[in-house]
Protein backbone atom coordinates (compact mmCIF):
# COMPACT_ATOMS: atom_id res chain seq x y z
CA UNK A 1 2.23 19.07 1.52
CA UNK A 2 5.52 20.78 0.80
CA UNK A 3 5.85 20.78 -2.96
CA UNK A 4 9.34 22.29 -2.74
CA UNK A 5 10.59 19.09 -1.13
CA UNK A 6 12.69 16.89 -3.39
CA UNK A 7 13.36 13.78 -1.31
CA UNK A 8 12.63 11.54 -4.31
CA UNK A 9 14.38 13.48 -7.06
CA UNK A 10 15.70 11.05 -9.71
CA UNK A 11 14.20 8.09 -7.85
CA UNK A 12 11.80 5.53 -9.29
CA UNK A 13 8.82 4.23 -7.33
CA UNK A 14 6.52 1.29 -8.03
CA UNK A 15 3.01 1.47 -6.58
CA UNK A 16 0.63 -1.44 -6.99
CA UNK A 17 -3.05 -0.57 -6.89
CA UNK A 18 -2.08 2.94 -7.92
CA UNK A 19 -5.14 3.93 -9.91
CA UNK A 20 -7.25 5.06 -6.94
CA UNK A 21 -7.38 5.69 -3.21
CA UNK A 22 -4.23 5.40 -1.14
CA UNK A 23 -2.12 4.23 -4.08
CA UNK A 24 -3.09 7.18 -6.25
CA UNK A 25 -2.56 9.65 -3.39
CA UNK A 26 0.90 8.19 -2.78
CA UNK A 27 1.76 8.45 -6.45
CA UNK A 28 0.73 12.11 -6.37
CA UNK A 29 2.83 12.74 -3.26
CA UNK A 30 5.98 11.07 -4.61
CA UNK A 31 5.60 12.86 -7.94
CA UNK A 32 5.39 16.18 -6.10
CA UNK A 33 8.77 15.37 -4.56
CA UNK A 34 10.48 14.53 -7.83
CA UNK A 35 9.95 10.80 -8.32
CA UNK A 36 9.26 8.83 -11.44
CA UNK A 37 6.31 6.57 -10.70
CA UNK A 38 5.02 3.28 -12.09
CA UNK A 39 1.42 2.59 -11.11
CA UNK A 40 -0.45 -0.65 -11.63
CA UNK A 41 -4.06 -1.75 -11.62
CA UNK A 42 -6.37 -4.26 -13.24
CA UNK A 43 -8.61 -1.74 -15.04
CA UNK A 44 -7.02 0.05 -17.99
CA UNK A 45 -9.65 2.79 -18.06
CA UNK A 46 -9.02 3.63 -14.42
CA UNK A 47 -5.27 3.61 -15.02
CA UNK A 48 -5.68 6.01 -17.95
CA UNK A 49 -7.84 8.29 -15.80
CA UNK A 50 -5.24 8.19 -13.02
CA UNK A 51 -2.43 9.22 -15.37
CA UNK A 52 -4.56 12.10 -16.63
CA UNK A 53 -5.41 13.16 -13.06
CA UNK A 54 -1.76 13.06 -12.02
CA UNK A 55 -0.97 15.40 -14.91
CA UNK A 56 2.53 14.04 -15.11
CA UNK A 57 2.55 11.58 -17.99
CA UNK A 58 6.23 12.22 -18.61
CA UNK A 59 7.06 10.84 -15.15
CA UNK A 60 4.16 8.39 -14.74
CA UNK A 61 3.99 5.00 -16.38
CA UNK A 62 0.84 2.91 -15.97
CA UNK A 63 0.96 -0.86 -16.33
CA UNK A 64 -2.14 -3.02 -16.39
CA UNK A 65 -1.33 -5.92 -14.08
CA UNK A 66 -3.02 -8.25 -11.62
CA UNK A 67 -0.93 -8.72 -8.48
CA UNK A 68 -2.48 -12.16 -7.99
CA UNK A 69 -0.68 -13.30 -11.15
CA UNK A 70 2.99 -14.24 -10.80
CA UNK A 71 3.36 -13.88 -14.56
CA UNK A 72 2.13 -10.28 -14.29
CA UNK A 73 4.58 -9.64 -11.45
CA UNK A 74 7.41 -10.94 -13.60
CA UNK A 75 6.28 -8.80 -16.55
CA UNK A 76 6.00 -5.73 -14.33
CA UNK A 77 9.56 -6.20 -13.06
CA UNK A 78 10.77 -6.60 -16.63
CA UNK A 79 9.05 -3.36 -17.66
CA UNK A 80 10.56 -1.50 -14.70
CA UNK A 81 14.02 -2.83 -15.52
CA UNK A 82 13.81 -1.97 -19.21
CA UNK A 83 12.34 1.48 -18.65
CA UNK A 84 14.22 2.73 -15.58
CA UNK A 85 16.94 0.19 -14.73
CA UNK A 86 16.22 0.16 -11.00
CA UNK A 87 13.62 0.76 -8.30
CA UNK A 88 14.15 3.00 -5.27
CA UNK A 89 10.69 2.69 -3.67
CA UNK A 90 8.09 -0.06 -3.71
CA UNK A 91 4.65 0.51 -2.20
CA UNK A 92 2.93 -2.88 -2.19
CA UNK A 93 -0.53 -1.39 -1.83
CA UNK A 94 -2.95 -3.45 -3.93
CA UNK A 95 -5.51 -5.31 -1.86
CA UNK A 96 -9.12 -6.38 -1.63
CA UNK A 97 -11.60 -6.18 1.23
CA UNK A 98 -13.58 -9.10 2.59
CA UNK A 99 -15.85 -8.92 5.62
CA UNK A 100 -18.15 -11.70 6.73
CA UNK A 101 -18.46 -14.12 9.66
CA UNK A 102 -15.86 -16.87 9.53
CA UNK A 103 -18.62 -19.47 9.17
CA UNK A 104 -19.63 -17.87 5.86
CA UNK A 105 -16.18 -17.73 4.22
CA UNK A 106 -16.14 -19.95 1.14
CA UNK A 107 -13.09 -21.61 -0.33
CA UNK A 108 -13.41 -19.40 -3.40
CA UNK A 109 -13.45 -16.24 -1.27
CA UNK A 110 -10.51 -17.48 0.79
CA UNK A 111 -8.48 -18.12 -2.35
CA UNK A 112 -9.43 -14.73 -3.87
CA UNK A 113 -8.41 -12.70 -0.83
CA UNK A 114 -5.22 -14.62 -0.11
CA UNK A 115 -4.21 -14.42 -3.79
CA UNK A 116 -4.33 -10.62 -3.81
CA UNK A 117 -3.52 -9.61 -0.24
CA UNK A 118 -0.76 -12.12 0.53
CA UNK A 119 0.43 -13.83 -2.64
CA UNK A 120 0.31 -10.53 -4.51
CA UNK A 121 2.48 -8.75 -1.94
CA UNK A 122 4.95 -11.62 -1.73
CA UNK A 123 5.59 -11.89 -5.46
CA UNK A 124 5.51 -8.14 -6.07
CA UNK A 125 8.40 -7.77 -3.63
CA UNK A 126 10.15 -10.94 -4.74
CA UNK A 127 10.21 -9.84 -8.37
CA UNK A 128 11.29 -6.31 -7.44
CA UNK A 129 14.23 -7.48 -5.31
CA UNK A 130 16.83 -7.71 -8.10
CA UNK A 131 15.95 -4.16 -9.21
CA UNK A 132 16.17 -2.49 -5.81
CA UNK A 133 18.88 0.10 -5.29
CA UNK A 134 21.05 -0.50 -2.22
CA UNK A 135 19.33 2.28 -0.28
CA UNK A 136 15.81 1.45 -1.46
CA UNK A 137 12.72 1.28 0.72
CA UNK A 138 9.70 -0.99 0.62
CA UNK A 139 6.38 -0.14 2.26
CA UNK A 140 3.63 -2.75 2.53
CA UNK A 141 0.00 -1.82 3.09
CA UNK A 142 -1.35 -3.80 6.05
CA UNK A 143 -4.34 -2.81 8.23
CA UNK A 144 -5.34 -1.77 11.72
CA UNK A 145 -7.26 -5.04 11.92
CA UNK A 146 -4.01 -6.92 12.54
CA UNK A 147 -3.77 -5.08 15.87
CA UNK A 148 -7.37 -5.28 17.12
CA UNK A 149 -9.97 -7.97 16.61
CA UNK A 150 -12.93 -7.06 14.44
CA UNK A 151 -15.90 -9.35 13.98
CA UNK A 152 -16.34 -10.38 10.32
CA UNK A 153 -12.67 -9.62 9.53
CA UNK A 154 -11.09 -13.02 10.20
CA UNK A 155 -9.97 -13.65 6.63
CA UNK A 156 -9.02 -10.07 5.79
CA UNK A 157 -7.14 -9.50 9.06
CA UNK A 158 -5.25 -12.79 8.70
CA UNK A 159 -3.85 -11.68 5.32
CA UNK A 160 -2.85 -8.33 6.76
CA UNK A 161 -1.12 -9.94 9.73
CA UNK A 162 0.69 -12.16 7.25
CA UNK A 163 2.03 -9.24 5.21
CA UNK A 164 3.31 -7.52 8.33
CA UNK A 165 5.14 -10.76 9.12
CA UNK A 166 6.61 -10.53 5.62
CA UNK A 167 7.67 -6.98 6.48
CA UNK A 168 9.88 -8.26 9.28
CA UNK A 169 11.36 -11.18 7.36
CA UNK A 170 11.96 -9.14 4.22
CA UNK A 171 13.67 -6.51 6.39
CA UNK A 172 16.08 -9.16 7.69
CA UNK A 173 16.77 -10.60 4.23
CA UNK A 174 17.32 -7.24 2.56
CA UNK A 175 19.03 -5.47 5.45
CA UNK A 176 22.56 -6.39 4.31
CA UNK A 177 21.87 -4.44 1.12
CA UNK A 178 20.79 -1.36 3.07
CA UNK A 179 17.17 -1.82 2.00
CA UNK A 180 14.50 -1.01 4.59
CA UNK A 181 11.08 -2.67 4.76
CA UNK A 182 8.17 -1.32 6.80
CA UNK A 183 4.40 -1.59 6.74
CA UNK A 184 1.57 0.86 7.32
CA UNK A 185 -1.69 -0.05 8.99
CA UNK A 186 -4.41 2.38 7.91
CA UNK A 187 -7.55 2.68 10.01
CA UNK A 188 -10.85 3.76 8.52
CA UNK A 189 -9.77 5.66 5.41
CA UNK A 190 -12.36 7.37 3.22
CA UNK A 191 -11.81 5.52 -0.05
CA UNK A 192 -14.05 3.83 -2.60
CA UNK A 193 -13.25 0.50 -0.91
CA UNK A 194 -14.38 1.90 2.45
CA UNK A 195 -17.59 3.27 0.94
CA UNK A 196 -18.35 -0.10 -0.66
CA UNK A 197 -17.89 -1.94 2.64
CA UNK A 198 -19.46 0.45 5.17
CA UNK A 199 -23.08 1.56 5.32
CA UNK A 200 -23.58 5.32 5.82
CA UNK A 201 -25.76 4.42 8.82
CA UNK A 202 -22.75 2.80 10.49
CA UNK A 203 -20.40 5.74 9.99
CA UNK A 204 -21.31 7.77 13.11
CA UNK A 205 -20.60 4.75 15.28
CA UNK A 206 -17.25 4.23 13.56
CA UNK A 207 -16.21 7.85 13.98
CA UNK A 208 -17.17 7.72 17.65
CA UNK A 209 -14.38 5.15 18.14
CA UNK A 210 -11.68 7.40 16.63
CA UNK A 211 -9.87 9.85 18.90
CA UNK A 212 -9.31 12.22 15.98
CA UNK A 213 -13.07 12.41 15.46
CA UNK A 214 -12.92 11.86 11.72
CA UNK A 215 -12.18 9.33 9.03
CA UNK A 216 -8.71 9.28 7.59
CA UNK A 217 -7.92 10.43 4.06
CA UNK A 218 -5.78 8.87 1.39
CA UNK A 219 -3.40 11.81 1.78
CA UNK A 220 -2.93 10.90 5.46
CA UNK A 221 -1.64 7.52 4.33
CA UNK A 222 0.41 8.95 1.46
CA UNK A 223 2.22 11.27 3.88
CA UNK A 224 3.17 8.31 6.07
CA UNK A 225 4.30 6.17 3.13
CA UNK A 226 6.44 9.01 1.78
CA UNK A 227 8.06 9.41 5.20
CA UNK A 228 8.87 5.70 5.53
CA UNK A 229 10.18 5.57 1.96
CA UNK A 230 12.48 8.55 2.49
CA UNK A 231 15.84 8.97 4.19
CA UNK A 232 13.98 10.75 6.99
CA UNK A 233 13.10 7.23 8.18
CA UNK A 234 16.59 5.79 7.67
CA UNK A 235 16.66 4.17 11.14
CA UNK A 236 13.16 2.68 10.96
CA UNK A 237 13.07 -0.90 9.75
CA UNK A 238 10.78 -3.90 10.15
CA UNK A 239 8.11 -1.75 11.81
CA UNK A 240 4.40 -1.14 11.37
CA UNK A 241 3.11 2.45 11.44
CA UNK A 242 -0.55 2.65 12.45
CA UNK A 243 -2.40 5.48 10.69
CA UNK A 244 -5.78 5.41 12.36
CA UNK A 245 -6.46 8.62 14.26
CA UNK A 246 -6.10 6.72 17.53
CA UNK A 247 -8.58 3.93 16.79
CA UNK A 248 -6.33 1.16 18.10
CA UNK A 249 -4.63 3.13 20.88
CA UNK A 250 -7.64 4.06 22.99
CA UNK A 251 -11.42 4.31 23.22
CA UNK A 252 -12.74 7.88 23.40
CA UNK A 253 -14.67 8.75 26.54
């Protein structure tokens, strides 16, 4: 990380699910490059801990919000408008995992996952639209599972494919304003969500599928998000950047 970089000086970024994992790492990266950052999460204690960890309370504002709630999305946009007046970067990152055979998916689980992973992304972006500067950038967190079938991931992967579809349509709608919209598709990233979903016994088999020979880190994703959100990616729009160490591209010999 180049801390002397200032690509986001005087810019304001909104990061949903910013209290841990990829969201927190992205907040740290954008702060290091001069941004003001709003992070959201459902757990106030975790938000408070994140602000303390970021050690930048003067440029970090934490808002307790549930992305599955349209009312919370509206309130979040109002807070951003009143506090900063505009948004230059949105990282629609908040999401939940769900892995089980399709035959075992209940209606309640379907509604829970769709509410966060699809509805949450849609209304986060919708409510942010009036606040976006004319050269703003949106990055949506998708998943490698939209590119390669994975047993037990039917529900999860469907929501991630849906948000990449939103990436393309949002890019068309917002293009006349000079606003770019892209998505990232992380592979196996070593986060608390990964640890909750994957047994340690399964990890060697997972790593054996990755050309890079390791799990990804939250910083790997943060670097990619910062690139897409910056002017360095000014001619990249409506695309999905796969951050997976080669998991989707090829099978190691």
